[in-house]
Amino acid sequence: EMGMTPAEAVWAATAGGAAALRRADVGVLRPGARADL
């Protein structure tokens, strides 16, 4: 309904939400990030 690609929506629901909370430890999987998956 909103014109997003599947990749954009997945990013917005993970890394985008982390950016909205100004969090660098969640919404991403890389060494040092919280193991939320």
PDB file of all heavy atoms in Angstrom:
ATOM      1  N   GLU A   1       0.783  -1.235   0.000  1.00  0.00           N
ATOM      2  CA  GLU A   1       0.000   0.000   0.000  1.00  0.00           C
ATOM      3  C   GLU A   1       0.815   1.285   0.000  1.00  0.00           C
ATOM      4  O   GLU A   1       0.255   2.353  -0.237  1.00  0.00           O
ATOM      5  CB  GLU A   1      -0.920   0.026   1.233  1.00  0.00           C
ATOM      6  CG  GLU A   1      -1.883  -1.142   1.336  1.00  0.00           C
ATOM      7  CD  GLU A   1      -2.987  -1.099   0.283  1.00  0.00           C
ATOM      8  OE1 GLU A   1      -3.149  -0.053  -0.379  1.00  0.00           O
ATOM      9  OE2 GLU A   1      -3.682  -2.111   0.125  1.00  0.00           O
ATOM     10  N   MET A   2       2.119   1.212   0.269  1.00  0.00           N
ATOM     11  CA  MET A   2       2.874   2.442   0.503  1.00  0.00           C
ATOM     12  C   MET A   2       4.063   2.619  -0.440  1.00  0.00           C
ATOM     13  O   MET A   2       4.859   3.527  -0.261  1.00  0.00           O
ATOM     14  CB  MET A   2       3.357   2.480   1.966  1.00  0.00           C
ATOM     15  CG  MET A   2       2.207   2.664   2.940  1.00  0.00           C
ATOM     16  SD  MET A   2       2.562   2.186   4.662  1.00  0.00           S
ATOM     17  CE  MET A   2       4.157   2.891   4.949  1.00  0.00           C
ATOM     18  N   GLY A   3       4.193   1.750  -1.423  1.00  0.00           N
ATOM     19  CA  GLY A   3       5.215   1.946  -2.444  1.00  0.00           C
ATOM     20  C   GLY A   3       6.605   1.493  -2.069  1.00  0.00           C
ATOM     21  O   GLY A   3       7.573   1.858  -2.741  1.00  0.00           O
ATOM     22  N   MET A   4       6.741   0.701  -1.016  1.00  0.00           N
ATOM     23  CA  MET A   4       8.062   0.229  -0.612  1.00  0.00           C
ATOM     24  C   MET A   4       8.378  -1.099  -1.293  1.00  0.00           C
ATOM     25  O   MET A   4       7.488  -1.919  -1.520  1.00  0.00           O
ATOM     26  CB  MET A   4       8.147   0.051   0.907  1.00  0.00           C
ATOM     27  CG  MET A   4       7.883   1.308   1.699  1.00  0.00           C
ATOM     28  SD  MET A   4       8.101   1.089   3.501  1.00  0.00           S
ATOM     29  CE  MET A   4       9.866   1.365   3.656  1.00  0.00           C
ATOM     30  N   THR A   5       9.651  -1.313  -1.600  1.00  0.00           N
ATOM     31  CA  THR A   5      10.072  -2.633  -2.046  1.00  0.00           C
ATOM     32  C   THR A   5      10.178  -3.547  -0.830  1.00  0.00           C
ATOM     33  O   THR A   5      10.295  -3.071   0.315  1.00  0.00           O
ATOM     34  CB  THR A   5      11.430  -2.580  -2.753  1.00  0.00           C
ATOM     35  OG1 THR A   5      12.449  -2.231  -1.780  1.00  0.00           O
ATOM     36  CG2 THR A   5      11.439  -1.550  -3.887  1.00  0.00           C
ATOM     37  N   PRO A   6      10.165  -4.857  -1.021  1.00  0.00           N
ATOM     38  CA  PRO A   6      10.354  -5.751   0.136  1.00  0.00           C
ATOM     39  C   PRO A   6      11.648  -5.475   0.890  1.00  0.00           C
ATOM     40  O   PRO A   6      11.664  -5.492   2.128  1.00  0.00           O
ATOM     41  CB  PRO A   6      10.348  -7.149  -0.498  1.00  0.00           C
ATOM     42  CG  PRO A   6       9.473  -6.997  -1.712  1.00  0.00           C
ATOM     43  CD  PRO A   6       9.802  -5.625  -2.232  1.00  0.00           C
ATOM     44  N   ALA A   7      12.731  -5.189   0.179  1.00  0.00           N
ATOM     45  CA  ALA A   7      14.003  -4.906   0.850  1.00  0.00           C
ATOM     46  C   ALA A   7      13.917  -3.624   1.666  1.00  0.00           C
ATOM     47  O   ALA A   7      14.412  -3.559   2.800  1.00  0.00           O
ATOM     48  CB  ALA A   7      15.133  -4.810  -0.173  1.00  0.00           C
ATOM     49  N   GLU A   8      13.291  -2.584   1.110  1.00  0.00           N
ATOM     50  CA  GLU A   8      13.147  -1.324   1.855  1.00  0.00           C
ATOM     51  C   GLU A   8      12.310  -1.523   3.108  1.00  0.00           C
ATOM     52  O   GLU A   8      12.607  -0.947   4.171  1.00  0.00           O
ATOM     53  CB  GLU A   8      12.509  -0.265   0.960  1.00  0.00           C
ATOM     54  CG  GLU A   8      13.432   0.244  -0.133  1.00  0.00           C
ATOM     55  CD  GLU A   8      12.714   1.068  -1.190  1.00  0.00           C
ATOM     56  OE1 GLU A   8      11.471   0.937  -1.325  1.00  0.00           O
ATOM     57  OE2 GLU A   8      13.383   1.827  -1.908  1.00  0.00           O
ATOM     58  N   ALA A   9      11.259  -2.329   3.007  1.00  0.00           N
ATOM     59  CA  ALA A   9      10.395  -2.545   4.157  1.00  0.00           C
ATOM     60  C   ALA A   9      11.116  -3.341   5.247  1.00  0.00           C
ATOM     61  O   ALA A   9      10.980  -3.036   6.438  1.00  0.00           O
ATOM     62  CB  ALA A   9       9.122  -3.266   3.718  1.00  0.00           C
ATOM     63  N   VAL A  10      11.887  -4.362   4.868  1.00  0.00           N
ATOM     64  CA  VAL A  10      12.647  -5.122   5.860  1.00  0.00           C
ATOM     65  C   VAL A  10      13.657  -4.214   6.552  1.00  0.00           C
ATOM     66  O   VAL A  10      13.806  -4.246   7.779  1.00  0.00           O
ATOM     67  CB  VAL A  10      13.347  -6.326   5.198  1.00  0.00           C
ATOM     68  CG1 VAL A  10      14.402  -6.927   6.130  1.00  0.00           C
ATOM     69  CG2 VAL A  10      12.316  -7.382   4.818  1.00  0.00           C
ATOM     70  N   TRP A  11      14.351  -3.382   5.792  1.00  0.00           N
ATOM     71  CA  TRP A  11      15.320  -2.458   6.395  1.00  0.00           C
ATOM     72  C   TRP A  11      14.613  -1.497   7.352  1.00  0.00           C
ATOM     73  O   TRP A  11      15.079  -1.250   8.469  1.00  0.00           O
ATOM     74  CB  TRP A  11      16.047  -1.668   5.306  1.00  0.00           C
ATOM     75  CG  TRP A  11      17.242  -0.918   5.810  1.00  0.00           C
ATOM     76  CD1 TRP A  11      18.531  -1.323   5.804  1.00  0.00           C
ATOM     77  CD2 TRP A  11      17.238   0.396   6.416  1.00  0.00           C
ATOM     78  NE1 TRP A  11      19.350  -0.371   6.367  1.00  0.00           N
ATOM     79  CE2 TRP A  11      18.588   0.692   6.753  1.00  0.00           C
ATOM     80  CE3 TRP A  11      16.253   1.331   6.705  1.00  0.00           C
ATOM     81  CZ2 TRP A  11      18.950   1.899   7.363  1.00  0.00           C
ATOM     82  CZ3 TRP A  11      16.614   2.521   7.318  1.00  0.00           C
ATOM     83  CH2 TRP A  11      17.947   2.797   7.638  1.00  0.00           C
ATOM     84  N   ALA A  12      13.460  -0.964   6.928  1.00  0.00           N
ATOM     85  CA  ALA A  12      12.736   0.004   7.755  1.00  0.00           C
ATOM     86  C   ALA A  12      12.226  -0.632   9.044  1.00  0.00           C
ATOM     87  O   ALA A  12      12.118   0.046  10.075  1.00  0.00           O
ATOM     88  CB  ALA A  12      11.574   0.596   6.963  1.00  0.00           C
ATOM     89  N   ALA A  13      11.910  -1.927   9.016  1.00  0.00           N
ATOM     90  CA  ALA A  13      11.379  -2.615  10.188  1.00  0.00           C
ATOM     91  C   ALA A  13      12.478  -3.101  11.127  1.00  0.00           C
ATOM     92  O   ALA A  13      12.176  -3.583  12.224  1.00  0.00           O
ATOM     93  CB  ALA A  13      10.533  -3.809   9.741  1.00  0.00           C
ATOM     94  N   THR A  14      13.716  -2.968  10.724  1.00  0.00           N
ATOM     95  CA  THR A  14      14.850  -3.418  11.542  1.00  0.00           C
ATOM     96  C   THR A  14      15.803  -2.250  11.780  1.00  0.00           C
ATOM     97  O   THR A  14      15.725  -1.575  12.802  1.00  0.00           O
ATOM     98  CB  THR A  14      15.552  -4.605  10.864  1.00  0.00           C
ATOM     99  OG1 THR A  14      15.862  -4.283   9.488  1.00  0.00           O
ATOM    100  CG2 THR A  14      14.671  -5.844  10.876  1.00  0.00           C
ATOM    101  N   ALA A  15      16.663  -1.965  10.812  1.00  0.00           N
ATOM    102  CA  ALA A  15      17.617  -0.864  10.966  1.00  0.00           C
ATOM    103  C   ALA A  15      16.921   0.488  11.058  1.00  0.00           C
ATOM    104  O   ALA A  15      17.383   1.387  11.766  1.00  0.00           O
ATOM    105  CB  ALA A  15      18.606  -0.868   9.797  1.00  0.00           C
ATOM    106  N   GLY A  16      15.811   0.662  10.338  1.00  0.00           N
ATOM    107  CA  GLY A  16      15.073   1.926  10.421  1.00  0.00           C
ATOM    108  C   GLY A  16      14.513   2.162  11.804  1.00  0.00           C
ATOM    109  O   GLY A  16      14.588   3.268  12.341  1.00  0.00           O
ATOM    110  N   GLY A  17      13.942   1.118  12.405  1.00  0.00           N
ATOM    111  CA  GLY A  17      13.441   1.245  13.772  1.00  0.00           C
ATOM    112  C   GLY A  17      14.550   1.548  14.755  1.00  0.00           C
ATOM    113  O   GLY A  17      14.371   2.337  15.696  1.00  0.00           O
ATOM    114  N   ALA A  18      15.724   0.928  14.535  1.00  0.00           N
ATOM    115  CA  ALA A  18      16.872   1.225  15.403  1.00  0.00           C
ATOM    116  C   ALA A  18      17.285   2.686  15.274  1.00  0.00           C
ATOM    117  O   ALA A  18      17.595   3.347  16.278  1.00  0.00           O
ATOM    118  CB  ALA A  18      18.037   0.308  15.052  1.00  0.00           C
ATOM    119  N   ALA A  19      17.276   3.209  14.047  1.00  0.00           N
ATOM    120  CA  ALA A  19      17.617   4.623  13.843  1.00  0.00           C
ATOM    121  C   ALA A  19      16.601   5.525  14.539  1.00  0.00           C
ATOM    122  O   ALA A  19      16.960   6.561  15.115  1.00  0.00           O
ATOM    123  CB  ALA A  19      17.667   4.943  12.351  1.00  0.00           C
ATOM    124  N   ALA A  20      15.323   5.136  14.517  1.00  0.00           N
ATOM    125  CA  ALA A  20      14.285   5.935  15.177  1.00  0.00           C
ATOM    126  C   ALA A  20      14.461   5.954  16.692  1.00  0.00           C
ATOM    127  O   ALA A  20      13.993   6.877  17.356  1.00  0.00           O
ATOM    128  CB  ALA A  20      12.904   5.396  14.818  1.00  0.00           C
ATOM    129  N   LEU A  21      15.131   4.936  17.229  1.00  0.00           N
ATOM    130  CA  LEU A  21      15.426   4.893  18.660  1.00  0.00           C
ATOM    131  C   LEU A  21      16.863   5.308  18.962  1.00  0.00           C
ATOM    132  O   LEU A  21      17.309   5.230  20.110  1.00  0.00           O
ATOM    133  CB  LEU A  21      15.179   3.479  19.206  1.00  0.00           C
ATOM    134  CG  LEU A  21      13.732   3.001  19.181  1.00  0.00           C
ATOM    135  CD1 LEU A  21      13.638   1.547  19.633  1.00  0.00           C
ATOM    136  CD2 LEU A  21      12.843   3.885  20.044  1.00  0.00           C
ATOM    137  N   ARG A  22      17.583   5.722  17.923  1.00  0.00           N
ATOM    138  CA  ARG A  22      18.998   6.086  18.047  1.00  0.00           C
ATOM    139  C   ARG A  22      19.784   4.987  18.759  1.00  0.00           C
ATOM    140  O   ARG A  22      20.546   5.242  19.684  1.00  0.00           O
ATOM    141  CB  ARG A  22      19.143   7.461  18.706  1.00  0.00           C
ATOM    142  CG  ARG A  22      18.555   8.546  17.791  1.00  0.00           C
ATOM    143  CD  ARG A  22      18.906   9.955  18.167  1.00  0.00           C
ATOM    144  NE  ARG A  22      18.470  10.861  17.097  1.00  0.00           N
ATOM    145  CZ  ARG A  22      18.246  12.151  17.244  1.00  0.00           C
ATOM    146  NH1 ARG A  22      18.421  12.719  18.418  1.00  0.00           N
ATOM    147  NH2 ARG A  22      17.880  12.891  16.215  1.00  0.00           N
ATOM    148  N   ARG A  23      19.586   3.774  18.243  1.00  0.00           N
ATOM    149  CA  ARG A  23      20.274   2.598  18.752  1.00  0.00           C
ATOM    150  C   ARG A  23      21.187   2.050  17.655  1.00  0.00           C
ATOM    151  O   ARG A  23      20.758   1.855  16.521  1.00  0.00           O
ATOM    152  CB  ARG A  23      19.263   1.516  19.151  1.00  0.00           C
ATOM    153  CG  ARG A  23      18.294   1.896  20.259  1.00  0.00           C
ATOM    154  CD  ARG A  23      18.894   1.682  21.632  1.00  0.00           C
ATOM    155  NE  ARG A  23      19.264   0.306  21.870  1.00  0.00           N
ATOM    156  CZ  ARG A  23      18.440  -0.624  22.377  1.00  0.00           C
ATOM    157  NH1 ARG A  23      17.187  -0.314  22.694  1.00  0.00           N
ATOM    158  NH2 ARG A  23      18.870  -1.853  22.597  1.00  0.00           N
ATOM    159  N   ALA A  24      22.416   1.750  17.999  1.00  0.00           N
ATOM    160  CA  ALA A  24      23.352   1.152  17.043  1.00  0.00           C
ATOM    161  C   ALA A  24      23.581  -0.325  17.314  1.00  0.00           C
ATOM    162  O   ALA A  24      24.244  -1.005  16.530  1.00  0.00           O
ATOM    163  CB  ALA A  24      24.697   1.893  17.085  1.00  0.00           C
ATOM    164  N   ASP A  25      23.011  -0.831  18.408  1.00  0.00           N
ATOM    165  CA  ASP A  25      23.280  -2.212  18.820  1.00  0.00           C
ATOM    166  C   ASP A  25      22.221  -3.193  18.372  1.00  0.00           C
ATOM    167  O   ASP A  25      22.385  -4.406  18.539  1.00  0.00           O
ATOM    168  CB  ASP A  25      23.425  -2.278  20.342  1.00  0.00           C
ATOM    169  CG  ASP A  25      22.170  -1.799  21.069  1.00  0.00           C
ATOM    170  OD1 ASP A  25      21.464  -0.915  20.527  1.00  0.00           O
ATOM    171  OD2 ASP A  25      21.887  -2.300  22.181  1.00  0.00           O
ATOM    172  N   VAL A  26      21.127  -2.709  17.801  1.00  0.00           N
ATOM    173  CA  VAL A  26      20.041  -3.579  17.352  1.00  0.00           C
ATOM    174  C   VAL A  26      19.693  -3.237  15.911  1.00  0.00           C
ATOM    175  O   VAL A  26      20.152  -2.233  15.354  1.00  0.00           O
ATOM    176  CB  VAL A  26      18.800  -3.443  18.255  1.00  0.00           C
ATOM    177  CG1 VAL A  26      19.105  -3.911  19.667  1.00  0.00           C
ATOM    178  CG2 VAL A  26      18.269  -2.004  18.272  1.00  0.00           C
ATOM    179  N   GLY A  27      18.890  -4.100  15.284  1.00  0.00           N
ATOM    180  CA  GLY A  27      18.477  -3.858  13.905  1.00  0.00           C
ATOM    181  C   GLY A  27      19.548  -4.181  12.887  1.00  0.00           C
ATOM    182  O   GLY A  27      19.368  -3.943  11.693  1.00  0.00           O
ATOM    183  N   VAL A  28      20.657  -4.738  13.338  1.00  0.00           N
ATOM    184  CA  VAL A  28      21.790  -5.049  12.465  1.00  0.00           C
ATOM    185  C   VAL A  28      22.461  -6.299  13.017  1.00  0.00           C
ATOM    186  O   VAL A  28      22.407  -6.572  14.231  1.00  0.00           O
ATOM    187  CB  VAL A  28      22.782  -3.862  12.428  1.00  0.00           C
ATOM    188  CG1 VAL A  28      23.386  -3.595  13.797  1.00  0.00           C
ATOM    189  CG2 VAL A  28      23.875  -4.081  11.397  1.00  0.00           C
ATOM    190  N   LEU A  29      23.053  -7.093  12.147  1.00  0.00           N
ATOM    191  CA  LEU A  29      23.824  -8.260  12.563  1.00  0.00           C
ATOM    192  C   LEU A  29      25.249  -8.085  12.075  1.00  0.00           C
ATOM    193  O   LEU A  29      25.534  -8.181  10.878  1.00  0.00           O
ATOM    194  CB  LEU A  29      23.200  -9.546  11.995  1.00  0.00           C
ATOM    195  CG  LEU A  29      21.813  -9.887  12.530  1.00  0.00           C
ATOM    196  CD1 LEU A  29      21.239 -11.098  11.805  1.00  0.00           C
ATOM    197  CD2 LEU A  29      21.834 -10.121  14.046  1.00  0.00           C
ATOM    198  N   ARG A  30      26.139  -7.777  13.022  1.00  0.00           N
ATOM    199  CA  ARG A  30      27.564  -7.621  12.753  1.00  0.00           C
ATOM    200  C   ARG A  30      28.292  -7.831  14.083  1.00  0.00           C
ATOM    201  O   ARG A  30      27.671  -7.714  15.155  1.00  0.00           O
ATOM    202  CB  ARG A  30      27.880  -6.241  12.183  1.00  0.00           C
ATOM    203  CG  ARG A  30      27.545  -5.088  13.103  1.00  0.00           C
ATOM    204  CD  ARG A  30      27.784  -3.742  12.457  1.00  0.00           C
ATOM    205  NE  ARG A  30      27.275  -2.663  13.278  1.00  0.00           N
ATOM    206  CZ  ARG A  30      26.772  -1.536  12.800  1.00  0.00           C
ATOM    207  NH1 ARG A  30      26.723  -1.329  11.495  1.00  0.00           N
ATOM    208  NH2 ARG A  30      26.327  -0.596  13.624  1.00  0.00           N
ATOM    209  N   PRO A  31      29.559  -8.143  14.043  1.00  0.00           N
ATOM    210  CA  PRO A  31      30.278  -8.359  15.309  1.00  0.00           C
ATOM    211  C   PRO A  31      30.120  -7.166  16.257  1.00  0.00           C
ATOM    212  O   PRO A  31      30.292  -6.012  15.869  1.00  0.00           O
ATOM    213  CB  PRO A  31      31.728  -8.545  14.851  1.00  0.00           C
ATOM    214  CG  PRO A  31      31.591  -9.158  13.494  1.00  0.00           C
ATOM    215  CD  PRO A  31      30.403  -8.466  12.877  1.00  0.00           C
ATOM    216  N   GLY A  32      29.742  -7.474  17.499  1.00  0.00           N
ATOM    217  CA  GLY A  32      29.527  -6.452  18.510  1.00  0.00           C
ATOM    218  C   GLY A  32      28.084  -6.057  18.685  1.00  0.00           C
ATOM    219  O   GLY A  32      27.726  -5.459  19.708  1.00  0.00           O
ATOM    220  N   ALA A  33      27.214  -6.362  17.714  1.00  0.00           N
ATOM    221  CA  ALA A  33      25.791  -6.054  17.846  1.00  0.00           C
ATOM    222  C   ALA A  33      25.127  -7.068  18.758  1.00  0.00           C
ATOM    223  O   ALA A  33      25.631  -8.169  18.984  1.00  0.00           O
ATOM    224  CB  ALA A  33      25.121  -6.065  16.478  1.00  0.00           C
ATOM    225  N   ARG A  34      23.984  -6.688  19.288  1.00  0.00           N
ATOM    226  CA  ARG A  34      23.237  -7.602  20.131  1.00  0.00           C
ATOM    227  C   ARG A  34      22.758  -8.780  19.279  1.00  0.00           C
ATOM    228  O   ARG A  34      22.316  -8.587  18.134  1.00  0.00           O
ATOM    229  CB  ARG A  34      22.047  -6.880  20.762  1.00  0.00           C
ATOM    230  CG  ARG A  34      21.591  -7.503  22.068  1.00  0.00           C
ATOM    231  CD  ARG A  34      20.685  -6.578  22.839  1.00  0.00           C
ATOM    232  NE  ARG A  34      19.350  -6.519  22.261  1.00  0.00           N
ATOM    233  CZ  ARG A  34      18.361  -5.790  22.771  1.00  0.00           C
ATOM    234  NH1 ARG A  34      18.561  -5.037  23.823  1.00  0.00           N
ATOM    235  NH2 ARG A  34      17.171  -5.795  22.212  1.00  0.00           N
ATOM    236  N   ALA A  35      22.831  -9.975  19.819  1.00  0.00           N
ATOM    237  CA  ALA A  35      22.457 -11.173  19.063  1.00  0.00           C
ATOM    238  C   ALA A  35      20.951 -11.373  19.115  1.00  0.00           C
ATOM    239  O   ALA A  35      20.428 -12.301  19.722  1.00  0.00           O
ATOM    240  CB  ALA A  35      23.193 -12.386  19.599  1.00  0.00           C
ATOM    241  N   ASP A  36      20.233 -10.441  18.470  1.00  0.00           N
ATOM    242  CA  ASP A  36      18.786 -10.518  18.299  1.00  0.00           C
ATOM    243  C   ASP A  36      18.532 -10.906  16.851  1.00  0.00           C
ATOM    244  O   ASP A  36      18.838 -10.116  15.937  1.00  0.00           O
ATOM    245  CB  ASP A  36      18.129  -9.166  18.580  1.00  0.00           C
ATOM    246  CG  ASP A  36      18.138  -8.788  20.048  1.00  0.00           C
ATOM    247  OD1 ASP A  36      18.548  -9.627  20.875  1.00  0.00           O
ATOM    248  OD2 ASP A  36      17.741  -7.654  20.354  1.00  0.00           O
ATOM    249  N   LEU A  37      17.985 -12.070  16.628  1.00  0.00           N
ATOM    250  CA  LEU A  37      17.783 -12.495  15.249  1.00  0.00           C
ATOM    251  C   LEU A  37      16.578 -13.399  15.129  1.00  0.00           C
ATOM    252  O   LEU A  37      16.127 -14.015  16.106  1.00  0.00           O
ATOM    253  CB  LEU A  37      19.040 -13.171  14.704  1.00  0.00           C
ATOM    254  CG  LEU A  37      19.604 -14.349  15.483  1.00  0.00           C
ATOM    255  CD1 LEU A  37      19.204 -15.661  14.841  1.00  0.00           C
ATOM    256  CD2 LEU A  37      21.122 -14.237  15.531  1.00  0.00           C
TER     257      LEU A  37
END
